[in-house]
Amino acid sequence: MNHRTAQPDARVKGAVRGGAVRGAAARGPRRPGRPDRPRRTRRWVLAGACALLAVPVVADRVAAGVAEGRMADRIAARQSALVAAPDVSIDGFPFLWNAAAGSYPEVEVEGRARTDDGLPVTASLDLREVSRTAGGYAAETARGRFEVPLDALAAKRGAGFRLTGRDGRLEITRSFMGVPLVVTAELKLTGDTVTLEPAAASLAGRPIDPATPQIAAALRAAERKIPELPLGLVPSGISVDGSAVTVHAEAREVALADTA
């Protein structure tokens, strides 16, 4: 190969190499990790499938919400002691399947009520294995909690009377001859009546005998009969915490009105 033929060949190779470089620069560098079209298509298909699967779930929850609202309205219409429609929660998924079968594993009801003498009550009901019957619905078991604020109970006893829950006991404080009298009592349930059994007492900070006739008479005067509970619930226990006295109740084979 002579010098004349080698020189044009070099120019041709240079032009080819330059054109390749300029073409690569024009296209730009390939972005790392950029999904190709098939991968994007698969993602769209997956998203669409998830949306389609979510539709029945949303519809089921909407139906449950409608049934809960209807049940709350009917309970409010039948229970005159309620001050507003209660909150109702129907557990179990899918709801529509349970509704078609006429049975629900659990129904929870919570509402605010007021007794005949004006005491505020927060009621919580837990109904298990609710099923359709010829006369409406029935629950295999029912448990209830009825909470009355200590402040409201103390207000019924008059000014200067204070009730405090402490370590599961009721602490009663009032003024006696200008000095504080504090009596600690155990809450007992005797049938449908809440009784108080003195455990300790002090006058002006000094311990006194809690079994004195005056204290016993005062505690007897504070006894309270539990009003009739809904759904045939029977009182089964009583407890106290820092803010409320709670009556516990239960029943079996509870007949319910047609509320669904």
Protein backbone atom coordinates (compact mmCIF):
# COMPACT_ATOMS: atom_id res chain seq x y z
CA MET A 1 0.00 0.00 0.00
CA ASN A 2 1.48 3.37 -1.05
CA HIS A 3 1.07 6.76 0.56
CA ARG A 4 -1.52 8.01 -1.94
CA THR A 5 -3.98 5.17 -1.33
CA ALA A 6 -3.49 5.09 2.44
CA GLN A 7 -4.39 8.76 2.92
CA PRO A 8 -7.95 8.61 1.46
CA ASP A 9 -8.63 5.42 3.44
CA ALA A 10 -7.70 7.18 6.65
CA ARG A 11 -10.05 10.07 5.84
CA VAL A 12 -12.91 7.63 5.17
CA LYS A 13 -12.35 5.75 8.45
CA GLY A 14 -12.19 9.05 10.38
CA ALA A 15 -15.45 10.20 8.85
CA VAL A 16 -17.14 6.94 9.77
CA ARG A 17 -15.89 7.12 13.33
CA GLY A 18 -16.89 10.78 13.70
CA GLY A 19 -20.36 10.12 12.32
CA ALA A 20 -20.86 7.30 14.81
CA VAL A 21 -19.83 9.51 17.71
CA ARG A 22 -22.04 12.39 16.55
CA GLY A 23 -25.00 9.99 16.13
CA ALA A 24 -24.55 8.62 19.62
CA ALA A 25 -24.36 12.15 21.03
CA ALA A 26 -27.53 13.16 19.16
CA ARG A 27 -29.44 10.24 20.61
CA GLY A 28 -28.13 10.99 24.11
CA PRO A 29 -27.13 8.51 26.78
CA ARG A 30 -29.64 5.80 27.67
CA ARG A 31 -31.23 6.46 31.03
CA PRO A 32 -30.39 3.73 33.42
CA GLY A 33 -33.37 1.85 34.87
CA ARG A 34 -35.89 3.35 32.42
CA PRO A 35 -38.65 0.74 31.96
CA ASP A 36 -39.39 -0.39 28.51
CA ARG A 37 -42.89 -0.46 27.01
CA PRO A 38 -43.78 -4.09 27.94
CA ARG A 39 -42.92 -3.43 31.57
CA ARG A 40 -45.08 -0.31 31.64
CA THR A 41 -47.92 -2.26 30.12
CA ARG A 42 -47.67 -4.94 32.79
CA ARG A 43 -47.82 -2.30 35.50
CA TRP A 44 -50.94 -0.75 34.03
CA VAL A 45 -52.59 -4.16 33.83
CA LEU A 46 -51.69 -4.90 37.45
CA ALA A 47 -53.04 -1.53 38.61
CA GLY A 48 -56.28 -2.14 36.73
CA ALA A 49 -56.66 -5.57 38.27
CA CYS A 50 -56.15 -4.13 41.77
CA ALA A 51 -58.77 -1.46 41.09
CA LEU A 52 -61.26 -4.08 39.94
CA LEU A 53 -60.62 -6.16 43.06
CA ALA A 54 -61.14 -3.10 45.27
CA VAL A 55 -64.61 -2.39 43.84
CA PRO A 56 -66.37 -5.30 45.63
CA VAL A 57 -64.62 -4.41 48.91
CA VAL A 58 -65.75 -0.79 48.71
CA ALA A 59 -69.29 -1.83 47.80
CA ASP A 60 -69.36 -4.26 50.73
CA ARG A 61 -68.26 -1.56 53.18
CA VAL A 62 -70.79 0.90 51.78
CA ALA A 63 -73.56 -1.67 52.26
CA ALA A 64 -72.38 -2.31 55.82
CA GLY A 65 -72.39 1.43 56.55
CA VAL A 66 -75.95 1.78 55.28
CA ALA A 67 -77.11 -1.17 57.43
CA GLU A 68 -75.31 0.25 60.49
CA GLY A 69 -76.99 3.62 60.03
CA ARG A 70 -80.41 2.03 59.60
CA MET A 71 -79.91 -0.10 62.70
CA ALA A 72 -78.78 2.93 64.73
CA ASP A 73 -81.91 4.87 63.74
CA ARG A 74 -84.23 2.02 64.69
CA ILE A 75 -82.50 1.46 68.04
CA ALA A 76 -82.83 5.17 68.80
CA ALA A 77 -86.55 5.03 67.96
CA ARG A 78 -87.09 2.11 70.37
CA GLN A 79 -84.90 3.28 73.28
CA SER A 80 -86.33 6.49 74.69
CA ALA A 81 -83.48 6.88 77.19
CA LEU A 82 -80.97 7.53 74.40
CA VAL A 83 -80.08 11.17 73.83
CA ALA A 84 -78.90 10.55 70.24
CA ALA A 85 -78.65 7.77 67.69
CA PRO A 86 -76.01 5.25 68.82
CA ASP A 87 -72.90 4.17 66.96
CA VAL A 88 -73.33 0.70 65.46
CA SER A 89 -70.57 -1.52 64.09
CA ILE A 90 -71.35 -4.77 62.26
CA ASP A 91 -68.27 -6.96 62.10
CA GLY A 92 -67.62 -9.76 59.65
CA PHE A 93 -66.47 -9.75 56.01
CA PRO A 94 -67.97 -9.96 53.52
CA PHE A 95 -70.97 -8.14 54.96
CA LEU A 96 -73.21 -8.85 51.97
CA TRP A 97 -72.62 -12.59 52.37
CA ASN A 98 -73.54 -12.41 56.05
CA ALA A 99 -76.58 -10.28 55.28
CA ALA A 100 -77.78 -12.77 52.67
CA ALA A 101 -77.30 -15.60 55.19
CA GLY A 102 -79.10 -13.59 57.87
CA SER A 103 -76.31 -13.90 60.45
CA TYR A 104 -73.58 -11.64 61.81
CA PRO A 105 -70.70 -12.81 64.03
CA GLU A 106 -70.63 -9.63 66.11
CA VAL A 107 -72.58 -6.39 66.43
CA GLU A 108 -71.32 -3.59 68.68
CA VAL A 109 -73.50 -0.71 69.85
CA GLU A 110 -72.37 2.35 71.81
CA GLY A 111 -74.62 5.22 72.82
CA ARG A 112 -75.29 7.94 75.34
CA ALA A 113 -78.40 7.83 77.49
CA ARG A 114 -79.92 9.48 80.53
CA THR A 115 -81.67 7.83 83.46
CA ASP A 116 -85.09 8.89 84.73
CA ASP A 117 -83.46 11.05 87.40
CA GLY A 118 -81.10 12.72 84.92
CA LEU A 119 -77.84 10.79 85.33
CA PRO A 120 -75.78 10.56 82.12
CA VAL A 121 -74.87 7.01 81.06
CA THR A 122 -72.54 5.71 78.37
CA ALA A 123 -73.77 2.30 77.24
CA SER A 124 -71.72 -0.24 75.29
CA LEU A 125 -73.27 -3.49 74.02
CA ASP A 126 -71.49 -6.44 72.44
CA LEU A 127 -73.83 -8.91 70.69
CA ARG A 128 -72.38 -12.20 69.47
CA GLU A 129 -73.73 -14.60 66.83
CA VAL A 130 -76.68 -12.50 65.75
CA SER A 131 -79.01 -14.39 63.42
CA ARG A 132 -82.38 -13.90 61.78
CA THR A 133 -85.43 -15.45 63.43
CA ALA A 134 -89.14 -15.51 62.72
CA GLY A 135 -89.71 -12.51 64.98
CA GLY A 136 -86.69 -10.45 63.94
CA TYR A 137 -83.19 -11.26 65.18
CA ALA A 138 -81.60 -12.98 68.16
CA ALA A 139 -78.12 -12.98 69.71
CA GLU A 140 -76.61 -16.01 71.38
CA THR A 141 -74.91 -13.82 73.98
CA ALA A 142 -74.96 -10.17 74.96
CA ARG A 143 -72.63 -8.23 77.22
CA GLY A 144 -73.12 -4.67 78.34
CA ARG A 145 -71.20 -1.90 80.09
CA PHE A 146 -73.00 1.09 81.58
CA GLU A 147 -70.74 3.90 82.81
CA VAL A 148 -71.90 6.76 85.03
CA PRO A 149 -69.45 9.64 85.69
CA LEU A 150 -68.45 10.07 89.32
CA ASP A 151 -68.91 13.84 89.03
CA ALA A 152 -72.57 13.34 88.10
CA LEU A 153 -73.13 10.96 91.01
CA ALA A 154 -71.48 13.40 93.42
CA ALA A 155 -73.62 16.28 92.17
CA LYS A 156 -76.73 14.29 93.13
CA ARG A 157 -75.46 14.21 96.74
CA GLY A 158 -75.17 18.00 96.98
CA ALA A 159 -72.45 20.63 97.25
CA GLY A 160 -69.22 19.74 99.03
CA PHE A 161 -69.55 16.05 98.15
CA ARG A 162 -66.75 14.49 96.08
CA LEU A 163 -66.31 10.97 94.69
CA THR A 164 -62.99 9.58 93.51
CA GLY A 165 -62.03 6.16 92.19
CA ARG A 166 -58.80 4.89 93.70
CA ASP A 167 -57.32 1.38 93.40
CA GLY A 168 -60.69 -0.12 92.51
CA ARG A 169 -62.41 1.45 95.52
CA LEU A 170 -64.63 4.48 95.92
CA GLU A 171 -63.30 7.36 97.97
CA ILE A 172 -66.04 9.59 99.39
CA THR A 173 -65.10 13.04 100.66
CA ARG A 174 -67.41 15.51 102.38
CA SER A 175 -67.26 18.18 105.03
CA PHE A 176 -68.24 17.20 108.57
CA MET A 177 -68.39 20.00 111.14
CA GLY A 178 -66.06 22.05 108.98
CA VAL A 179 -63.37 19.36 108.59
CA PRO A 180 -62.94 16.82 105.77
CA LEU A 181 -64.33 13.34 106.32
CA VAL A 182 -62.96 10.74 103.91
CA VAL A 183 -64.48 7.27 103.68
CA THR A 184 -63.09 4.54 101.40
CA ALA A 185 -65.63 1.88 100.44
CA GLU A 186 -65.80 -1.31 98.41
CA LEU A 187 -68.54 -1.38 95.79
CA LYS A 188 -70.71 -4.48 95.97
CA LEU A 189 -73.53 -5.72 93.78
CA THR A 190 -76.42 -7.28 95.69
CA GLY A 191 -79.00 -8.38 93.15
CA ASP A 192 -79.84 -5.19 91.28
CA THR A 193 -78.62 -2.84 94.04
CA VAL A 194 -75.20 -1.24 94.39
CA THR A 195 -74.09 -1.28 98.03
CA LEU A 196 -71.01 0.18 99.74
CA GLU A 197 -68.92 -1.60 102.36
CA PRO A 198 -66.62 0.67 104.43
CA ALA A 199 -62.94 -0.19 104.30
CA ALA A 200 -61.25 2.86 105.84
CA ALA A 201 -62.08 6.33 107.13
CA SER A 202 -60.36 9.46 108.35
CA LEU A 203 -61.46 12.75 109.91
CA ALA A 204 -59.22 15.80 109.45
CA GLY A 205 -56.53 13.42 108.24
CA ARG A 206 -56.67 11.17 111.32
CA PRO A 207 -57.86 7.53 111.00
CA ILE A 208 -61.19 6.64 112.57
CA ASP A 209 -63.20 3.44 112.80
CA PRO A 210 -65.01 2.96 109.46
CA ALA A 211 -67.65 0.78 111.16
CA THR A 212 -69.14 3.64 113.20
CA PRO A 213 -72.95 3.85 113.02
CA GLN A 214 -72.83 7.29 111.40
CA ILE A 215 -70.63 6.09 108.53
CA ALA A 216 -72.69 2.92 108.10
CA ALA A 217 -75.89 4.97 107.90
CA ALA A 218 -74.36 7.36 105.37
CA LEU A 219 -73.25 4.49 103.14
CA ARG A 220 -76.68 2.87 103.32
CA ALA A 221 -78.19 6.16 102.20
CA ALA A 222 -75.84 6.15 99.20
CA GLU A 223 -77.02 2.72 97.99
CA ARG A 224 -78.54 2.80 94.54
CA LYS A 225 -80.84 0.46 92.67
CA ILE A 226 -79.85 -0.21 89.06
CA PRO A 227 -82.69 0.70 86.68
CA GLU A 228 -84.02 -1.89 84.27
CA LEU A 229 -81.44 -2.58 81.57
CA PRO A 230 -82.25 -3.00 77.87
CA LEU A 231 -82.50 -6.38 76.10
CA GLY A 232 -83.13 -8.20 79.36
CA LEU A 233 -79.52 -7.75 80.47
CA VAL A 234 -78.88 -8.80 84.06
CA PRO A 235 -76.27 -6.98 86.22
CA SER A 236 -73.25 -9.24 86.75
CA GLY A 237 -70.68 -6.96 88.36
CA ILE A 238 -69.63 -3.43 89.21
CA SER A 239 -66.31 -1.61 89.09
CA VAL A 240 -64.91 1.88 89.56
CA ASP A 241 -61.97 3.74 88.05
CA GLY A 242 -60.74 7.30 88.30
CA SER A 243 -63.72 8.84 86.52
CA ALA A 244 -66.73 6.51 86.46
CA VAL A 245 -68.67 3.69 88.04
CA THR A 246 -69.36 0.87 85.57
CA VAL A 247 -72.15 -1.67 85.80
CA HIS A 248 -71.42 -4.88 83.89
CA ALA A 249 -74.30 -6.98 82.59
CA GLU A 250 -74.87 -10.05 80.43
CA ALA A 251 -77.59 -12.24 78.98
CA ARG A 252 -78.02 -15.27 76.75
CA GLU A 253 -80.47 -15.97 73.92
CA VAL A 254 -81.41 -12.32 73.58
CA ALA A 255 -84.37 -11.51 71.33
CA LEU A 256 -83.92 -8.40 69.23
CA ALA A 257 -86.44 -6.40 67.24
CA ASP A 258 -86.16 -6.43 63.44
CA THR A 259 -83.40 -3.79 63.16
CA ALA A 260 -81.58 -4.81 59.98
